[in-house]
Amino acid sequence: MPRRAQVVALIAASLATASVLAPVPASAVIGGKTSTYAPWAVRILVDGTPTCTGTAVAPRWVISASHCFFEQGEPVADRRITIRVGSLDERKGTTVRPVPGGRVGAADADMMLVEVPPMKVRPAPLATDGAHRGRAVRQYGWGATCTGDESACQSPVLKEAELRVVRPDDTRCAGYTAPGGSDFCMEKVSGIPAGGDSGGPVMSIAPPGAETLVGVFDGSDREAIAEAGEVSQQLAWIRSVIRR
């Protein structure tokens, strides 16, 4: 998909309460390295096929990208979705299914909260500070490890990329983010996320157990630039949903 077309689709998701958007191609971290700690990371499958990544943010709630739950502008039925939790190897862990009718989309970001039965995993703490320019972050996902046919090179084990937040008006971010928008822009340091990484956690870099969820990954150029929805801008919405 051309870069500009991808961007239009992602902006549409941000403005439509996650309602009429088809998913971007499935894929994982290209480059980067294998993760050794990420108890909050979850793998999302549709009809048994790995499609996206997500994050446990409470015992009964997972957050991911809204576009992961739509096909051809129509919602994916709950019965088609499974979520693998509790392992960095997507072939292991525990499988849970969404609670029927338990999906809540953000009004102005490509984010979806999905209710599931109680999970025995450590939820990710939510960042209360913004994704400021120059901040180092780490993105996690099981997505593609190659360009081209990304569905043919999905990673069975969790991988991670290191990125650095840049200004939203950086010329490299044109079409991905806009000043004042709900997304922030990142440049590649080591590895770049791709399709199957969609919805995956963008975490602060800290000792294991001290990281916070800074963003929800929702797009990249597969080469040098990526974007994510900013969690600190959505705290009120996230907390209102997971506390109900």
Protein backbone atom coordinates (compact mmCIF):
# COMPACT_ATOMS: atom_id res chain seq x y z
CA MET A 1 0.00 0.00 0.00
CA PRO A 2 1.45 3.43 -0.88
CA ARG A 3 2.60 5.44 2.11
CA ARG A 4 -0.03 8.17 1.65
CA ALA A 5 -2.84 5.61 1.35
CA GLN A 6 -1.74 3.94 4.58
CA VAL A 7 -1.78 7.29 6.32
CA VAL A 8 -5.28 8.16 5.11
CA ALA A 9 -6.55 4.85 6.46
CA LEU A 10 -4.93 5.42 9.84
CA ILE A 11 -6.28 8.96 10.12
CA ALA A 12 -9.74 7.63 9.30
CA ALA A 13 -9.45 5.21 12.20
CA SER A 14 -8.49 8.01 14.54
CA LEU A 15 -11.59 10.02 13.64
CA ALA A 16 -14.25 7.33 13.40
CA THR A 17 -14.33 5.54 16.76
CA ALA A 18 -12.67 2.63 15.04
CA SER A 19 -15.61 1.94 12.80
CA VAL A 20 -14.87 1.67 9.09
CA LEU A 21 -11.27 0.64 8.58
CA ALA A 22 -9.64 -2.39 7.02
CA PRO A 23 -6.46 -3.67 8.66
CA VAL A 24 -3.00 -2.94 7.31
CA PRO A 25 -0.99 -5.95 6.10
CA ALA A 26 0.11 -8.30 8.89
CA SER A 27 3.81 -8.20 9.83
CA ALA A 28 6.50 -8.11 12.83
CA VAL A 29 9.62 -6.20 13.88
CA ILE A 30 12.03 -6.02 10.94
CA GLY A 31 15.49 -6.18 12.45
CA GLY A 32 15.56 -5.50 16.19
CA LYS A 33 16.08 -8.36 18.59
CA THR A 34 14.26 -11.13 20.46
CA SER A 35 12.49 -10.01 23.64
CA THR A 36 13.27 -11.59 26.99
CA TYR A 37 10.73 -9.76 29.16
CA ALA A 38 7.23 -8.56 28.28
CA PRO A 39 4.55 -10.24 30.46
CA TRP A 40 1.91 -7.75 29.30
CA ALA A 41 2.33 -8.44 25.55
CA VAL A 42 -0.44 -10.49 23.91
CA ARG A 43 -0.88 -11.95 20.42
CA ILE A 44 -4.17 -11.43 18.58
CA LEU A 45 -5.44 -13.98 16.06
CA VAL A 46 -8.41 -13.98 13.67
CA ASP A 47 -9.68 -17.38 12.53
CA GLY A 48 -6.53 -18.84 14.08
CA THR A 49 -4.21 -16.68 11.97
CA PRO A 50 -1.90 -14.25 13.84
CA THR A 51 -2.80 -10.70 12.83
CA CYS A 52 -1.84 -8.14 15.49
CA THR A 53 -0.24 -7.52 18.87
CA GLY A 54 -1.78 -6.03 22.00
CA THR A 55 -1.12 -5.19 25.64
CA ALA A 56 -2.80 -6.32 28.84
CA VAL A 57 -3.63 -3.12 30.75
CA ALA A 58 -5.84 -4.71 33.44
CA PRO A 59 -6.75 -8.31 34.44
CA ARG A 60 -9.77 -8.20 32.09
CA TRP A 61 -8.69 -5.72 29.43
CA VAL A 62 -6.39 -5.70 26.39
CA ILE A 63 -5.60 -2.62 24.33
CA SER A 64 -4.66 -2.79 20.65
CA ALA A 65 -5.21 -0.87 17.41
CA SER A 66 -8.83 -0.47 16.33
CA HIS A 67 -8.02 -1.37 12.74
CA CYS A 68 -7.05 -4.88 13.86
CA PHE A 69 -10.73 -5.66 14.46
CA PHE A 70 -12.18 -4.62 11.09
CA GLU A 71 -12.21 -6.22 7.64
CA GLN A 72 -13.49 -4.38 4.57
CA GLY A 73 -15.03 -1.77 6.84
CA GLU A 74 -16.97 -4.34 8.88
CA PRO A 75 -16.29 -5.45 12.47
CA VAL A 76 -14.68 -8.87 12.90
CA ALA A 77 -17.08 -11.09 14.87
CA ASP A 78 -16.05 -11.82 18.46
CA ARG A 79 -16.23 -15.58 17.84
CA ARG A 80 -13.45 -15.30 15.22
CA ILE A 81 -10.98 -13.65 17.59
CA THR A 82 -8.60 -15.36 20.01
CA ILE A 83 -5.92 -13.81 22.17
CA ARG A 84 -2.79 -15.65 23.30
CA VAL A 85 -1.45 -14.48 26.68
CA GLY A 86 1.29 -15.40 29.14
CA SER A 87 4.16 -16.37 26.81
CA LEU A 88 6.70 -14.68 24.56
CA ASP A 89 6.25 -17.63 22.17
CA GLU A 90 2.91 -17.29 20.40
CA ARG A 91 2.65 -21.08 20.14
CA LYS A 92 2.44 -21.34 23.92
CA GLY A 93 0.61 -19.51 26.67
CA THR A 94 -3.12 -19.39 27.39
CA THR A 95 -5.88 -18.63 24.90
CA VAL A 96 -8.73 -16.30 25.84
CA ARG A 97 -11.63 -14.96 23.79
CA PRO A 98 -13.26 -11.54 23.84
CA VAL A 99 -16.31 -11.12 26.04
CA PRO A 100 -19.21 -10.76 23.55
CA GLY A 101 -19.90 -7.08 23.03
CA GLY A 102 -16.89 -6.12 25.14
CA ARG A 103 -14.99 -4.03 22.59
CA VAL A 104 -14.75 -0.26 23.08
CA GLY A 105 -13.08 2.00 20.53
CA ALA A 106 -11.51 5.37 21.25
CA ALA A 107 -13.28 8.38 19.77
CA ASP A 108 -10.16 10.07 18.41
CA ALA A 109 -7.38 7.48 18.20
CA ASP A 110 -6.66 4.15 16.52
CA MET A 111 -7.13 2.28 19.81
CA MET A 112 -9.50 -0.45 20.94
CA LEU A 113 -10.06 -1.89 24.43
CA VAL A 114 -11.14 -5.53 24.42
CA GLU A 115 -12.69 -7.18 27.46
CA VAL A 116 -11.64 -10.78 28.12
CA PRO A 117 -11.99 -13.27 31.00
CA PRO A 118 -9.52 -12.59 33.85
CA MET A 119 -5.91 -13.11 32.72
CA LYS A 120 -3.10 -14.27 35.00
CA VAL A 121 -0.55 -11.84 33.55
CA ARG A 122 1.12 -8.68 34.77
CA PRO A 123 -0.67 -5.66 33.22
CA ALA A 124 1.38 -2.80 31.81
CA PRO A 125 1.26 0.42 33.85
CA LEU A 126 -0.03 3.38 31.84
CA ALA A 127 2.28 6.32 31.18
CA THR A 128 0.99 9.61 32.51
CA ASP A 129 3.63 11.73 30.78
CA GLY A 130 3.77 12.46 27.08
CA ALA A 131 5.97 11.10 24.31
CA HIS A 132 8.36 14.02 24.26
CA ARG A 133 10.87 14.71 21.50
CA GLY A 134 14.09 12.75 22.02
CA ARG A 135 12.51 10.13 24.30
CA ALA A 136 13.82 6.61 23.74
CA VAL A 137 11.09 3.95 23.53
CA ARG A 138 10.83 0.25 22.79
CA GLN A 139 8.16 -1.33 20.59
CA TYR A 140 7.18 -5.01 20.89
CA GLY A 141 5.51 -7.36 18.42
CA TRP A 142 5.27 -10.74 16.73
CA GLY A 143 4.95 -9.18 13.28
CA ALA A 144 6.88 -9.66 10.06
CA THR A 145 10.62 -9.90 9.97
CA CYS A 146 10.86 -9.08 6.24
CA THR A 147 9.43 -6.76 3.63
CA GLY A 148 7.36 -7.94 0.70
CA ASP A 149 5.09 -10.86 1.63
CA GLU A 150 4.90 -10.06 5.34
CA SER A 151 2.44 -12.89 6.04
CA ALA A 152 5.18 -15.36 5.08
CA CYS A 153 7.67 -14.18 7.72
CA GLN A 154 5.70 -13.60 10.93
CA SER A 155 7.82 -14.20 14.01
CA PRO A 156 6.68 -16.97 16.40
CA VAL A 157 8.60 -15.27 19.23
CA LEU A 158 8.21 -11.73 20.48
CA LYS A 159 10.65 -9.20 19.06
CA GLU A 160 11.42 -5.60 19.91
CA ALA A 161 12.65 -2.47 18.19
CA GLU A 162 14.21 0.61 19.74
CA LEU A 163 13.03 3.98 18.46
CA ARG A 164 13.30 7.66 19.35
CA VAL A 165 10.44 10.16 19.43
CA VAL A 166 10.78 13.01 16.95
CA ARG A 167 8.78 16.19 16.36
CA PRO A 168 5.39 15.60 14.69
CA ASP A 169 6.26 18.26 12.12
CA ASP A 170 9.51 16.49 11.17
CA THR A 171 9.40 16.27 7.37
CA ARG A 172 9.93 12.49 7.56
CA CYS A 173 6.63 12.19 9.46
CA ALA A 174 4.57 13.94 6.78
CA GLY A 175 1.37 11.98 6.29
CA TYR A 176 1.88 9.96 9.45
CA THR A 177 1.39 12.51 12.22
CA ALA A 178 0.26 16.11 12.56
CA PRO A 179 0.95 18.67 15.30
CA GLY A 180 -1.82 18.51 17.87
CA GLY A 181 -2.93 15.05 16.74
CA SER A 182 -3.36 11.91 18.85
CA ASP A 183 -0.34 10.10 17.34
CA PHE A 184 3.37 10.64 17.88
CA CYS A 185 6.20 9.95 15.43
CA MET A 186 9.33 7.86 16.01
CA GLU A 187 12.56 7.29 14.12
CA LYS A 188 14.35 3.96 13.89
CA VAL A 189 17.27 3.32 16.20
CA SER A 190 17.39 -0.48 15.97
CA GLY A 191 14.65 -2.37 14.13
CA ILE A 192 11.37 -1.09 12.71
CA PRO A 193 7.85 -2.45 13.46
CA ALA A 194 5.51 -3.51 10.67
CA GLY A 195 2.02 -5.01 10.16
CA GLY A 196 1.58 -7.88 12.64
CA ASP A 197 3.04 -5.49 15.19
CA SER A 198 -0.04 -3.28 14.78
CA GLY A 199 -1.59 -2.53 18.16
CA GLY A 200 1.55 -3.57 20.00
CA PRO A 201 3.00 -1.80 23.02
CA VAL A 202 5.39 1.11 22.77
CA MET A 203 7.03 1.12 26.20
CA SER A 204 9.34 3.39 28.11
CA ILE A 205 12.86 2.00 28.49
CA ALA A 206 13.37 1.02 32.12
CA PRO A 207 14.42 -1.99 34.23
CA PRO A 208 12.08 -5.01 33.87
CA GLY A 209 8.89 -4.32 35.75
CA ALA A 210 9.32 -0.55 35.74
CA GLU A 211 8.28 0.18 32.13
CA THR A 212 5.13 2.11 31.29
CA LEU A 213 2.91 1.94 28.22
CA VAL A 214 3.65 5.10 26.25
CA GLY A 215 1.86 4.28 22.99
CA VAL A 216 -0.08 1.84 20.81
CA PHE A 217 1.72 1.21 17.51
CA ASP A 218 -0.41 1.77 14.41
CA GLY A 219 1.81 2.25 11.36
CA SER A 220 5.28 2.56 9.79
CA ASP A 221 7.04 2.96 6.46
CA ARG A 222 8.88 -0.34 7.08
CA GLU A 223 12.19 1.52 6.81
CA ALA A 224 12.80 4.41 9.20
CA ILE A 225 9.61 6.02 10.58
CA ALA A 226 6.80 4.68 12.77
CA GLU A 227 3.81 6.14 14.56
CA ALA A 228 1.76 5.29 17.63
CA GLY A 229 -1.27 6.58 19.49
CA GLU A 230 -0.24 8.45 22.64
CA VAL A 231 -1.54 6.74 25.79
CA SER A 232 -1.24 9.82 28.02
CA GLN A 233 -3.77 11.59 25.78
CA GLN A 234 -6.23 8.72 26.23
CA LEU A 235 -5.87 8.11 29.98
CA ALA A 236 -9.34 9.34 30.91
CA TRP A 237 -10.98 7.10 28.32
CA ILE A 238 -8.85 4.04 29.19
CA ARG A 239 -9.46 4.39 32.92
CA SER A 240 -13.19 4.95 32.49
CA VAL A 241 -13.50 1.72 30.52
CA ILE A 242 -11.31 -0.61 32.56
CA ARG A 243 -12.86 0.53 35.86
CA ARG A 244 -16.43 -0.13 34.87
